[in-house]
């Protein structure tokens, strides 16, 4: 029981560290800042800032965040389905 609690605390520490990370890319007048990390279910990536020639575009930012969330949902379902198939094959 203690090991599970310790592992849970370690996971939360890692999750917090990952969520605080950001990547910034600027090219041809377009600037994007994304936080989070895709993988291992640790964090959902989120576009924090999107600007074109110095002008922020909230509609595009919201649309990209919706697309990122939907991508994660589809990927998670696919992985779940595939892992179920693998478990079925292992039981043969």
Protein backbone atom coordinates (compact mmCIF):
# COMPACT_ATOMS: atom_id res chain seq x y z
CA UNK A 1 0.00 0.00 0.00
CA UNK A 2 2.82 2.40 0.88
CA UNK A 3 4.49 1.69 -2.49
CA UNK A 4 1.30 2.66 -4.35
CA UNK A 5 1.04 5.93 -2.42
CA UNK A 6 4.70 6.67 -3.09
CA UNK A 7 4.26 5.90 -6.80
CA UNK A 8 1.19 8.16 -6.89
CA UNK A 9 3.11 11.05 -5.35
CA UNK A 10 5.97 10.51 -7.80
CA UNK A 11 3.52 10.49 -10.72
CA UNK A 12 1.95 13.77 -9.54
CA UNK A 13 5.40 15.35 -9.24
CA UNK A 14 6.28 14.28 -12.79
CA UNK A 15 2.89 15.45 -14.10
CA UNK A 16 3.34 18.88 -12.52
CA UNK A 17 6.85 19.22 -13.98
CA UNK A 18 5.67 18.20 -17.46
CA UNK A 19 2.69 20.55 -17.38
CA UNK A 20 4.94 23.49 -16.56
CA UNK A 21 6.99 22.94 -19.73
CA UNK A 22 6.26 25.02 -22.84
CA UNK A 23 7.53 25.02 -26.40
CA UNK A 24 7.59 28.22 -28.41
CA UNK A 25 7.97 28.35 -32.19
CA UNK A 26 7.99 31.45 -34.36
CA UNK A 27 8.22 31.36 -38.15
CA UNK A 28 7.08 33.70 -40.93
CA UNK A 29 5.21 35.97 -38.52
CA UNK A 30 3.35 33.12 -36.83
CA UNK A 31 4.07 32.51 -33.14
CA UNK A 32 2.79 29.48 -31.23
CA UNK A 33 3.32 28.47 -27.60
CA UNK A 34 2.21 24.97 -26.57
CA UNK A 35 2.33 23.48 -23.09
CA UNK A 36 1.89 19.93 -21.94
CA UNK A 37 3.11 16.62 -23.22
CA UNK A 38 1.57 13.99 -25.44
CA UNK A 39 2.22 10.54 -24.12
CA UNK A 40 1.66 8.18 -21.24
CA UNK A 41 -1.54 10.01 -20.34
CA UNK A 42 0.47 12.51 -18.32
CA UNK A 43 -0.87 15.74 -19.67
CA UNK A 44 -3.05 17.15 -22.38
CA UNK A 45 -1.19 19.54 -24.69
CA UNK A 46 -2.69 22.99 -24.95
CA UNK A 47 -1.96 25.93 -27.25
CA UNK A 48 -1.38 28.83 -24.88
CA UNK A 49 -0.73 31.53 -27.47
CA UNK A 50 -1.24 31.83 -31.20
CA UNK A 51 -0.46 35.07 -32.98
CA UNK A 52 -0.01 36.04 -36.61
CA UNK A 53 2.11 39.14 -37.24
CA UNK A 54 1.70 40.10 -33.58
CA UNK A 55 -2.09 39.74 -33.57
CA UNK A 56 -3.54 37.02 -31.33
CA UNK A 57 -6.25 34.87 -32.88
CA UNK A 58 -8.54 33.45 -30.17
CA UNK A 59 -10.85 31.60 -32.59
CA UNK A 60 -7.93 29.73 -34.17
CA UNK A 61 -6.40 29.06 -30.74
CA UNK A 62 -9.67 27.56 -29.44
CA UNK A 63 -10.11 25.48 -32.60
CA UNK A 64 -6.58 24.08 -32.36
CA UNK A 65 -7.12 23.16 -28.71
CA UNK A 66 -10.35 21.35 -29.61
CA UNK A 67 -8.52 19.47 -32.38
CA UNK A 68 -5.69 18.48 -30.02
CA UNK A 69 -8.19 17.20 -27.45
CA UNK A 70 -10.12 15.23 -30.08
CA UNK A 71 -6.87 13.72 -31.39
CA UNK A 72 -6.00 12.51 -27.89
CA UNK A 73 -9.47 11.01 -27.41
CA UNK A 74 -9.30 9.15 -30.74
CA UNK A 75 -5.76 7.93 -30.01
CA UNK A 76 -6.71 6.75 -26.51
CA UNK A 77 -9.69 4.81 -27.88
CA UNK A 78 -7.56 3.21 -30.58
CA UNK A 79 -4.89 2.19 -28.05
CA UNK A 80 -7.56 0.77 -25.73
CA UNK A 81 -9.11 -1.22 -28.59
CA UNK A 82 -5.72 -2.51 -29.71
CA UNK A 83 -4.65 -3.49 -26.20
CA UNK A 84 -7.90 -5.44 -25.84
CA UNK A 85 -7.11 -7.30 -29.06
CA UNK A 86 -3.62 -8.12 -27.79
CA UNK A 87 -5.01 -9.44 -24.51
CA UNK A 88 -7.42 -11.62 -26.47
CA UNK A 89 -4.57 -13.02 -28.56
CA UNK A 90 -2.48 -13.72 -25.44
CA UNK A 91 -5.32 -15.72 -23.94
CA UNK A 92 -5.48 -18.10 -26.91
